[in-house]
Amino acid sequence: MYEDTQLQNNTAIHNFEIFVDGHRAFIDYQLRDGVYFLIHTEVPRELEGHGVAAALVEKVFHFLEDNGFKMVPYCAYVKAYLKRHPEWERLIYS
């Protein structure tokens, strides 16, 4: 789902973001020494319940892996996603 939706890394405001039906969903992050600290996921009310947050997290994980980055998941949603998809735990910085 949302395969054609492009992930954007908005470095100016430290957000990974996607746009769906004119609405912006994002993950707020901090980048330190090549490690992304994923702080908060936000999806507009209009998009809730449509799999947008899951698609966003999946796209971010692919970006991190494709570019050789690790992450620290502070965001409750990202942590919950990792419990459902433990195969992505390989991206956790240790």
PDB file of N, CA and C in Angstrom:
ATOM      1  N   MET A   1       0.840  -1.188   0.000  1.00  0.00           N
ATOM      2  CA  MET A   1       0.000   0.000   0.000  1.00  0.00           C
ATOM      3  C   MET A   1       0.883   1.250   0.000  1.00  0.00           C
ATOM      4  N   TYR A   2       0.499   2.227  -0.742  1.00  0.00           N
ATOM      5  CA  TYR A   2       1.229   3.494  -0.848  1.00  0.00           C
ATOM      6  C   TYR A   2       2.608   3.312  -1.483  1.00  0.00           C
ATOM      7  N   GLU A   3       2.739   2.286  -2.337  1.00  0.00           N
ATOM      8  CA  GLU A   3       4.025   2.032  -2.990  1.00  0.00           C
ATOM      9  C   GLU A   3       4.487   3.213  -3.829  1.00  0.00           C
ATOM     10  N   ASP A   4       3.558   3.915  -4.422  1.00  0.00           N
ATOM     11  CA  ASP A   4       3.910   5.040  -5.302  1.00  0.00           C
ATOM     12  C   ASP A   4       4.122   6.351  -4.532  1.00  0.00           C
ATOM     13  N   THR A   5       3.901   6.327  -3.244  1.00  0.00           N
ATOM     14  CA  THR A   5       4.083   7.524  -2.426  1.00  0.00           C
ATOM     15  C   THR A   5       5.552   7.650  -2.063  1.00  0.00           C
ATOM     16  N   GLN A   6       6.146   8.784  -2.405  1.00  0.00           N
ATOM     17  CA  GLN A   6       7.571   9.000  -2.191  1.00  0.00           C
ATOM     18  C   GLN A   6       7.863   9.498  -0.782  1.00  0.00           C
ATOM     19  N   LEU A   7       8.852   8.875  -0.150  1.00  0.00           N
ATOM     20  CA  LEU A   7       9.346   9.361   1.128  1.00  0.00           C
ATOM     21  C   LEU A   7      10.256  10.551   0.873  1.00  0.00           C
ATOM     22  N   GLN A   8      10.088  11.596   1.648  1.00  0.00           N
ATOM     23  CA  GLN A   8      10.964  12.756   1.561  1.00  0.00           C
ATOM     24  C   GLN A   8      11.673  12.931   2.897  1.00  0.00           C
ATOM     25  N   ASN A   9      12.969  13.185   2.823  1.00  0.00           N
ATOM     26  CA  ASN A   9      13.738  13.485   4.023  1.00  0.00           C
ATOM     27  C   ASN A   9      13.882  14.994   4.072  1.00  0.00           C
ATOM     28  N   ASN A  10      13.047  15.624   4.876  1.00  0.00           N
ATOM     29  CA  ASN A  10      13.050  17.084   4.997  1.00  0.00           C
ATOM     30  C   ASN A  10      14.064  17.448   6.075  1.00  0.00           C
ATOM     31  N   THR A  11      15.319  17.555   5.668  1.00  0.00           N
ATOM     32  CA  THR A  11      16.403  17.781   6.626  1.00  0.00           C
ATOM     33  C   THR A  11      16.301  19.130   7.326  1.00  0.00           C
ATOM     34  N   ALA A  12      15.652  20.101   6.696  1.00  0.00           N
ATOM     35  CA  ALA A  12      15.531  21.435   7.292  1.00  0.00           C
ATOM     36  C   ALA A  12      14.749  21.397   8.600  1.00  0.00           C
ATOM     37  N   ILE A  13      13.767  20.504   8.677  1.00  0.00           N
ATOM     38  CA  ILE A  13      12.949  20.419   9.893  1.00  0.00           C
ATOM     39  C   ILE A  13      13.062  19.038  10.561  1.00  0.00           C
ATOM     40  N   HIS A  14      14.010  18.233  10.111  1.00  0.00           N
ATOM     41  CA  HIS A  14      14.285  16.922  10.716  1.00  0.00           C
ATOM     42  C   HIS A  14      13.058  16.027  10.716  1.00  0.00           C
ATOM     43  N   ASN A  15      12.447  15.894   9.550  1.00  0.00           N
ATOM     44  CA  ASN A  15      11.273  15.030   9.386  1.00  0.00           C
ATOM     45  C   ASN A  15      11.437  14.141   8.175  1.00  0.00           C
ATOM     46  N   PHE A  16      11.044  12.875   8.327  1.00  0.00           N
ATOM     47  CA  PHE A  16      10.749  12.026   7.174  1.00  0.00           C
ATOM     48  C   PHE A  16       9.265  12.243   6.935  1.00  0.00           C
ATOM     49  N   GLU A  17       8.871  12.460   5.683  1.00  0.00           N
ATOM     50  CA  GLU A  17       7.468  12.782   5.439  1.00  0.00           C
ATOM     51  C   GLU A  17       6.962  12.167   4.153  1.00  0.00           C
ATOM     52  N   ILE A  18       5.659  11.909   4.155  1.00  0.00           N
ATOM     53  CA  ILE A  18       4.961  11.513   2.944  1.00  0.00           C
ATOM     54  C   ILE A  18       3.693  12.353   2.870  1.00  0.00           C
ATOM     55  N   PHE A  19       3.210  12.501   1.651  1.00  0.00           N
ATOM     56  CA  PHE A  19       1.972  13.241   1.415  1.00  0.00           C
ATOM     57  C   PHE A  19       0.956  12.301   0.787  1.00  0.00           C
ATOM     58  N   VAL A  20      -0.218  12.209   1.406  1.00  0.00           N
ATOM     59  CA  VAL A  20      -1.288  11.340   0.937  1.00  0.00           C
ATOM     60  C   VAL A  20      -2.557  12.175   0.860  1.00  0.00           C
ATOM     61  N   ASP A  21      -3.151  12.227  -0.307  1.00  0.00           N
ATOM     62  CA  ASP A  21      -4.397  12.986  -0.506  1.00  0.00           C
ATOM     63  C   ASP A  21      -4.292  14.413   0.020  1.00  0.00           C
ATOM     64  N   GLY A  22      -3.129  15.034  -0.175  1.00  0.00           N
ATOM     65  CA  GLY A  22      -2.927  16.418   0.230  1.00  0.00           C
ATOM     66  C   GLY A  22      -2.613  16.608   1.702  1.00  0.00           C
ATOM     67  N   HIS A  23      -2.483  15.519   2.446  1.00  0.00           N
ATOM     68  CA  HIS A  23      -2.178  15.596   3.876  1.00  0.00           C
ATOM     69  C   HIS A  23      -0.762  15.088   4.121  1.00  0.00           C
ATOM     70  N   ARG A  24      -0.103  15.677   5.103  1.00  0.00           N
ATOM     71  CA  ARG A  24       1.284  15.347   5.421  1.00  0.00           C
ATOM     72  C   ARG A  24       1.357  14.470   6.669  1.00  0.00           C
ATOM     73  N   ALA A  25       2.014  13.325   6.540  1.00  0.00           N
ATOM     74  CA  ALA A  25       2.322  12.460   7.684  1.00  0.00           C
ATOM     75  C   ALA A  25       3.835  12.481   7.843  1.00  0.00           C
ATOM     76  N   PHE A  26       4.315  12.415   9.089  1.00  0.00           N
ATOM     77  CA  PHE A  26       5.756  12.552   9.267  1.00  0.00           C
ATOM     78  C   PHE A  26       6.259  11.815  10.501  1.00  0.00           C
ATOM     79  N   ILE A  27       7.564  11.568  10.479  1.00  0.00           N
ATOM     80  CA  ILE A  27       8.293  11.095  11.650  1.00  0.00           C
ATOM     81  C   ILE A  27       9.354  12.136  11.948  1.00  0.00           C
ATOM     82  N   ASP A  28       9.315  12.658  13.148  1.00  0.00           N
ATOM     83  CA  ASP A  28      10.293  13.635  13.612  1.00  0.00           C
ATOM     84  C   ASP A  28      11.531  12.872  14.079  1.00  0.00           C
ATOM     85  N   TYR A  29      12.706  13.365  13.712  1.00  0.00           N
ATOM     86  CA  TYR A  29      13.936  12.679  14.102  1.00  0.00           C
ATOM     87  C   TYR A  29      15.029  13.653  14.488  1.00  0.00           C
ATOM     88  N   GLN A  30      16.042  13.109  15.133  1.00  0.00           N
ATOM     89  CA  GLN A  30      17.315  13.802  15.336  1.00  0.00           C
ATOM     90  C   GLN A  30      18.379  12.898  14.743  1.00  0.00           C
ATOM     91  N   LEU A  31      19.354  13.488  14.075  1.00  0.00           N
ATOM     92  CA  LEU A  31      20.443  12.726  13.477  1.00  0.00           C
ATOM     93  C   LEU A  31      21.726  13.076  14.212  1.00  0.00           C
ATOM     94  N   ARG A  32      22.353  12.048  14.783  1.00  0.00           N
ATOM     95  CA  ARG A  32      23.624  12.247  15.488  1.00  0.00           C
ATOM     96  C   ARG A  32      24.578  11.135  15.109  1.00  0.00           C
ATOM     97  N   ASP A  33      25.724  11.503  14.573  1.00  0.00           N
ATOM     98  CA  ASP A  33      26.778  10.544  14.222  1.00  0.00           C
ATOM     99  C   ASP A  33      26.258   9.396  13.364  1.00  0.00           C
ATOM    100  N   GLY A  34      25.430   9.719  12.389  1.00  0.00           N
ATOM    101  CA  GLY A  34      24.925   8.709  11.471  1.00  0.00           C
ATOM    102  C   GLY A  34      23.842   7.810  12.040  1.00  0.00           C
ATOM    103  N   VAL A  35      23.314   8.166  13.192  1.00  0.00           N
ATOM    104  CA  VAL A  35      22.240   7.397  13.823  1.00  0.00           C
ATOM    105  C   VAL A  35      20.997   8.286  13.877  1.00  0.00           C
ATOM    106  N   TYR A  36      19.880   7.744  13.371  1.00  0.00           N
ATOM    107  CA  TYR A  36      18.611   8.472  13.411  1.00  0.00           C
ATOM    108  C   TYR A  36      17.851   8.096  14.678  1.00  0.00           C
ATOM    109  N   PHE A  37      17.545   9.100  15.482  1.00  0.00           N
ATOM    110  CA  PHE A  37      16.729   8.923  16.668  1.00  0.00           C
ATOM    111  C   PHE A  37      15.299   9.276  16.261  1.00  0.00           C
ATOM    112  N   LEU A  38      14.448   8.262  16.140  1.00  0.00           N
ATOM    113  CA  LEU A  38      13.072   8.460  15.685  1.00  0.00           C
ATOM    114  C   LEU A  38      12.213   8.817  16.891  1.00  0.00           C
ATOM    115  N   ILE A  39      11.732  10.055  16.912  1.00  0.00           N
ATOM    116  CA  ILE A  39      11.137  10.633  18.110  1.00  0.00           C
ATOM    117  C   ILE A  39       9.612  10.555  18.137  1.00  0.00           C
ATOM    118  N   HIS A  40       8.973  10.872  17.026  1.00  0.00           N
ATOM    119  CA  HIS A  40       7.512  11.002  17.041  1.00  0.00           C
ATOM    120  C   HIS A  40       6.959  10.780  15.652  1.00  0.00           C
ATOM    121  N   THR A  41       5.896   9.987  15.565  1.00  0.00           N
ATOM    122  CA  THR A  41       5.174   9.769  14.309  1.00  0.00           C
ATOM    123  C   THR A  41       3.839  10.478  14.397  1.00  0.00           C
ATOM    124  N   GLU A  42       3.497  11.200  13.343  1.00  0.00           N
ATOM    125  CA  GLU A  42       2.209  11.896  13.341  1.00  0.00           C
ATOM    126  C   GLU A  42       1.515  11.707  11.999  1.00  0.00           C
ATOM    127  N   VAL A  43       0.246  11.332  12.088  1.00  0.00           N
ATOM    128  CA  VAL A  43      -0.598  11.145  10.905  1.00  0.00           C
ATOM    129  C   VAL A  43      -1.843  11.991  11.114  1.00  0.00           C
ATOM    130  N   PRO A  44      -2.213  12.811  10.123  1.00  0.00           N
ATOM    131  CA  PRO A  44      -3.419  13.630  10.269  1.00  0.00           C
ATOM    132  C   PRO A  44      -4.663  12.767  10.491  1.00  0.00           C
ATOM    133  N   ARG A  45      -5.589  13.294  11.233  1.00  0.00           N
ATOM    134  CA  ARG A  45      -6.832  12.587  11.546  1.00  0.00           C
ATOM    135  C   ARG A  45      -7.511  12.043  10.282  1.00  0.00           C
ATOM    136  N   GLU A  46      -7.448  12.806   9.207  1.00  0.00           N
ATOM    137  CA  GLU A  46      -8.102  12.384   7.962  1.00  0.00           C
ATOM    138  C   GLU A  46      -7.525  11.088   7.403  1.00  0.00           C
ATOM    139  N   LEU A  47      -6.292  10.756   7.783  1.00  0.00           N
ATOM    140  CA  LEU A  47      -5.625   9.567   7.243  1.00  0.00           C
ATOM    141  C   LEU A  47      -5.553   8.412   8.234  1.00  0.00           C
ATOM    142  N   GLU A  48      -5.994   8.629   9.456  1.00  0.00           N
ATOM    143  CA  GLU A  48      -5.919   7.585  10.475  1.00  0.00           C
ATOM    144  C   GLU A  48      -6.724   6.365  10.058  1.00  0.00           C
ATOM    145  N   GLY A  49      -6.179   5.194  10.377  1.00  0.00           N
ATOM    146  CA  GLY A  49      -6.878   3.945  10.079  1.00  0.00           C
ATOM    147  C   GLY A  49      -6.746   3.466   8.654  1.00  0.00           C
ATOM    148  N   HIS A  50      -5.880   4.091   7.874  1.00  0.00           N
ATOM    149  CA  HIS A  50      -5.710   3.710   6.469  1.00  0.00           C
ATOM    150  C   HIS A  50      -4.330   3.127   6.188  1.00  0.00           C
ATOM    151  N   GLY A  51      -3.573   2.802   7.219  1.00  0.00           N
ATOM    152  CA  GLY A  51      -2.259   2.197   7.028  1.00  0.00           C
ATOM    153  C   GLY A  51      -1.155   3.160   6.677  1.00  0.00           C
ATOM    154  N   VAL A  52      -1.410   4.455   6.824  1.00  0.00           N
ATOM    155  CA  VAL A  52      -0.414   5.466   6.444  1.00  0.00           C
ATOM    156  C   VAL A  52       0.801   5.416   7.372  1.00  0.00           C
ATOM    157  N   ALA A  53       0.581   5.314   8.676  1.00  0.00           N
ATOM    158  CA  ALA A  53       1.705   5.284   9.618  1.00  0.00           C
ATOM    159  C   ALA A  53       2.596   4.075   9.356  1.00  0.00           C
ATOM    160  N   ALA A  54       1.989   2.915   9.134  1.00  0.00           N
ATOM    161  CA  ALA A  54       2.769   1.707   8.857  1.00  0.00           C
ATOM    162  C   ALA A  54       3.566   1.865   7.570  1.00  0.00           C
ATOM    163  N   ALA A  55       2.951   2.422   6.543  1.00  0.00           N
ATOM    164  CA  ALA A  55       3.650   2.635   5.279  1.00  0.00           C
ATOM    165  C   ALA A  55       4.812   3.607   5.463  1.00  0.00           C
ATOM    166  N   LEU A  56       4.595   4.652   6.238  1.00  0.00           N
ATOM    167  CA  LEU A  56       5.644   5.635   6.505  1.00  0.00           C
ATOM    168  C   LEU A  56       6.824   4.983   7.223  1.00  0.00           C
ATOM    169  N   VAL A  57       6.550   4.218   8.264  1.00  0.00           N
ATOM    170  CA  VAL A  57       7.624   3.555   9.010  1.00  0.00           C
ATOM    171  C   VAL A  57       8.385   2.600   8.098  1.00  0.00           C
ATOM    172  N   GLU A  58       7.681   1.827   7.312  1.00  0.00           N
ATOM    173  CA  GLU A  58       8.323   0.886   6.389  1.00  0.00           C
ATOM    174  C   GLU A  58       9.241   1.622   5.409  1.00  0.00           C
ATOM    175  N   LYS A  59       8.762   2.731   4.867  1.00  0.00           N
ATOM    176  CA  LYS A  59       9.583   3.515   3.941  1.00  0.00           C
ATOM    177  C   LYS A  59      10.828   4.076   4.626  1.00  0.00           C
ATOM    178  N   VAL A  60      10.670   4.536   5.860  1.00  0.00           N
ATOM    179  CA  VAL A  60      11.820   5.054   6.611  1.00  0.00           C
ATOM    180  C   VAL A  60      12.822   3.931   6.862  1.00  0.00           C
ATOM    181  N   PHE A  61      12.349   2.759   7.252  1.00  0.00           N
ATOM    182  CA  PHE A  61      13.254   1.637   7.497  1.00  0.00           C
ATOM    183  C   PHE A  61      14.020   1.269   6.231  1.00  0.00           C
ATOM    184  N   HIS A  62      13.341   1.253   5.099  1.00  0.00           N
ATOM    185  CA  HIS A  62      14.039   0.966   3.833  1.00  0.00           C
ATOM    186  C   HIS A  62      15.087   2.043   3.529  1.00  0.00           C
ATOM    187  N   PHE A  63      14.737   3.302   3.759  1.00  0.00           N
ATOM    188  CA  PHE A  63      15.703   4.390   3.551  1.00  0.00           C
ATOM    189  C   PHE A  63      16.928   4.183   4.432  1.00  0.00           C
ATOM    190  N   LEU A  64      16.716   3.904   5.709  1.00  0.00           N
ATOM    191  CA  LEU A  64      17.826   3.717   6.628  1.00  0.00           C
ATOM    192  C   LEU A  64      18.716   2.563   6.174  1.00  0.00           C
ATOM    193  N   GLU A  65      18.100   1.448   5.842  1.00  0.00           N
ATOM    194  CA  GLU A  65      18.879   0.280   5.433  1.00  0.00           C
ATOM    195  C   GLU A  65      19.615   0.520   4.117  1.00  0.00           C
ATOM    196  N   ASP A  66      18.932   1.083   3.160  1.00  0.00           N
ATOM    197  CA  ASP A  66      19.542   1.323   1.841  1.00  0.00           C
ATOM    198  C   ASP A  66      20.725   2.278   1.918  1.00  0.00           C
ATOM    199  N   ASN A  67      20.742   3.132   2.932  1.00  0.00           N
ATOM    200  CA  ASN A  67      21.795   4.138   3.056  1.00  0.00           C
ATOM    201  C   ASN A  67      22.777   3.851   4.197  1.00  0.00           C
ATOM    202  N   GLY A  68      22.673   2.673   4.788  1.00  0.00           N
ATOM    203  CA  GLY A  68      23.635   2.243   5.795  1.00  0.00           C
ATOM    204  C   GLY A  68      23.512   2.924   7.149  1.00  0.00           C
ATOM    205  N   PHE A  69      22.310   3.391   7.488  1.00  0.00           N
ATOM    206  CA  PHE A  69      22.096   4.050   8.769  1.00  0.00           C
ATOM    207  C   PHE A  69      21.505   3.092   9.800  1.00  0.00           C
ATOM    208  N   LYS A  70      21.671   3.450  11.054  1.00  0.00           N
ATOM    209  CA  LYS A  70      21.030   2.756  12.171  1.00  0.00           C
ATOM    210  C   LYS A  70      20.062   3.726  12.827  1.00  0.00           C
ATOM    211  N   MET A  71      19.245   3.192  13.737  1.00  0.00           N
ATOM    212  CA  MET A  71      18.243   4.038  14.390  1.00  0.00           C
ATOM    213  C   MET A  71      18.124   3.685  15.861  1.00  0.00           C
ATOM    214  N   VAL A  72      17.571   4.640  16.598  1.00  0.00           N
ATOM    215  CA  VAL A  72      17.152   4.432  17.974  1.00  0.00           C
ATOM    216  C   VAL A  72      15.672   4.810  18.013  1.00  0.00           C
ATOM    217  N   PRO A  73      14.799   3.841  18.276  1.00  0.00           N
ATOM    218  CA  PRO A  73      13.361   4.127  18.263  1.00  0.00           C
ATOM    219  C   PRO A  73      12.868   4.658  19.606  1.00  0.00           C
ATOM    220  N   TYR A  74      12.600   5.955  19.669  1.00  0.00           N
ATOM    221  CA  TYR A  74      11.981   6.558  20.852  1.00  0.00           C
ATOM    222  C   TYR A  74      10.465   6.622  20.707  1.00  0.00           C
ATOM    223  N   CYS A  75      10.005   6.690  19.491  1.00  0.00           N
ATOM    224  CA  CYS A  75       8.580   6.834  19.184  1.00  0.00           C
ATOM    225  C   CYS A  75       7.806   5.569  19.572  1.00  0.00           C
ATOM    226  N   ALA A  76       6.693   5.748  20.278  1.00  0.00           N
ATOM    227  CA  ALA A  76       5.865   4.615  20.707  1.00  0.00           C
ATOM    228  C   ALA A  76       5.332   3.835  19.503  1.00  0.00           C
ATOM    229  N   TYR A  77       4.946   4.536  18.449  1.00  0.00           N
ATOM    230  CA  TYR A  77       4.421   3.829  17.277  1.00  0.00           C
ATOM    231  C   TYR A  77       5.516   2.998  16.619  1.00  0.00           C
ATOM    232  N   VAL A  78       6.702   3.556  16.472  1.00  0.00           N
ATOM    233  CA  VAL A  78       7.807   2.820  15.857  1.00  0.00           C
ATOM    234  C   VAL A  78       8.134   1.588  16.698  1.00  0.00           C
ATOM    235  N   LYS A  79       8.140   1.726  18.016  1.00  0.00           N
ATOM    236  CA  LYS A  79       8.399   0.579  18.901  1.00  0.00           C
ATOM    237  C   LYS A  79       7.332  -0.502  18.699  1.00  0.00           C
ATOM    238  N   ALA A  80       6.071  -0.097  18.613  1.00  0.00           N
ATOM    239  CA  ALA A  80       4.981  -1.051  18.399  1.00  0.00           C
ATOM    240  C   ALA A  80       5.133  -1.738  17.039  1.00  0.00           C
ATOM    241  N   TYR A  81       5.526  -0.985  16.037  1.00  0.00           N
ATOM    242  CA  TYR A  81       5.740  -1.551  14.703  1.00  0.00           C
ATOM    243  C   TYR A  81       6.846  -2.603  14.755  1.00  0.00           C
ATOM    244  N   LEU A  82       7.912  -2.314  15.473  1.00  0.00           N
ATOM    245  CA  LEU A  82       9.027  -3.263  15.593  1.00  0.00           C
ATOM    246  C   LEU A  82       8.591  -4.554  16.288  1.00  0.00           C
ATOM    247  N   LYS A  83       7.673  -4.464  17.237  1.00  0.00           N
ATOM    248  CA  LYS A  83       7.179  -5.679  17.893  1.00  0.00           C
ATOM    249  C   LYS A  83       6.427  -6.565  16.896  1.00  0.00           C
ATOM    250  N   ARG A  84       5.714  -5.931  15.966  1.00  0.00           N
ATOM    251  CA  ARG A  84       4.969  -6.677  14.952  1.00  0.00           C
ATOM    252  C   ARG A  84       5.866  -7.140  13.806  1.00  0.00           C
ATOM    253  N   HIS A  85       7.008  -6.473  13.631  1.00  0.00           N
ATOM    254  CA  HIS A  85       7.921  -6.774  12.524  1.00  0.00           C
ATOM    255  C   HIS A  85       9.360  -6.850  13.049  1.00  0.00           C
ATOM    256  N   PRO A  86       9.667  -7.878  13.841  1.00  0.00           N
ATOM    257  CA  PRO A  86      10.993  -7.955  14.475  1.00  0.00           C
ATOM    258  C   PRO A  86      12.147  -8.089  13.483  1.00  0.00           C
ATOM    259  N   GLU A  87      11.845  -8.402  12.238  1.00  0.00           N
ATOM    260  CA  GLU A  87      12.921  -8.496  11.234  1.00  0.00           C
ATOM    261  C   GLU A  87      13.643  -7.161  11.043  1.00  0.00           C
ATOM    262  N   TRP A  88      12.998  -6.060  11.402  1.00  0.00           N
ATOM    263  CA  TRP A  88      13.615  -4.742  11.268  1.00  0.00           C
ATOM    264  C   TRP A  88      14.504  -4.373  12.454  1.00  0.00           C
ATOM    265  N   GLU A  89      14.517  -5.198  13.481  1.00  0.00           N
ATOM    266  CA  GLU A  89      15.360  -4.902  14.637  1.00  0.00           C
ATOM    267  C   GLU A  89      16.835  -4.813  14.267  1.00  0.00           C
ATOM    268  N   ARG A  90      17.181  -5.344  13.103  1.00  0.00           N
ATOM    269  CA  ARG A  90      18.575  -5.262  12.630  1.00  0.00           C
ATOM    270  C   ARG A  90      19.026  -3.821  12.433  1.00  0.00           C
ATOM    271  N   LEU A  91      18.093  -2.882  12.363  1.00  0.00           N
ATOM    272  CA  LEU A  91      18.446  -1.471  12.172  1.00  0.00           C
ATOM    273  C   LEU A  91      18.684  -0.728  13.485  1.00  0.00           C
ATOM    274  N   ILE A  92      18.396  -1.386  14.598  1.00  0.00           N
ATOM    275  CA  ILE A  92      18.538  -0.711  15.891  1.00  0.00           C
ATOM    276  C   ILE A  92      20.007  -0.562  16.233  1.00  0.00           C
ATOM    277  N   TYR A  93      20.380   0.642  16.576  1.00  0.00           N
ATOM    278  CA  TYR A  93      21.757   0.951  16.961  1.00  0.00           C
ATOM    279  C   TYR A  93      22.029   0.365  18.356  1.00  0.00           C
ATOM    280  N   SER A  94      23.173  -0.289  18.477  1.00  0.00           N
ATOM    281  CA  SER A  94      23.527  -0.841  19.789  1.00  0.00           C
ATOM    282  C   SER A  94      24.937  -0.482  20.163  1.00  0.00           C
TER     283      SER A  94
END
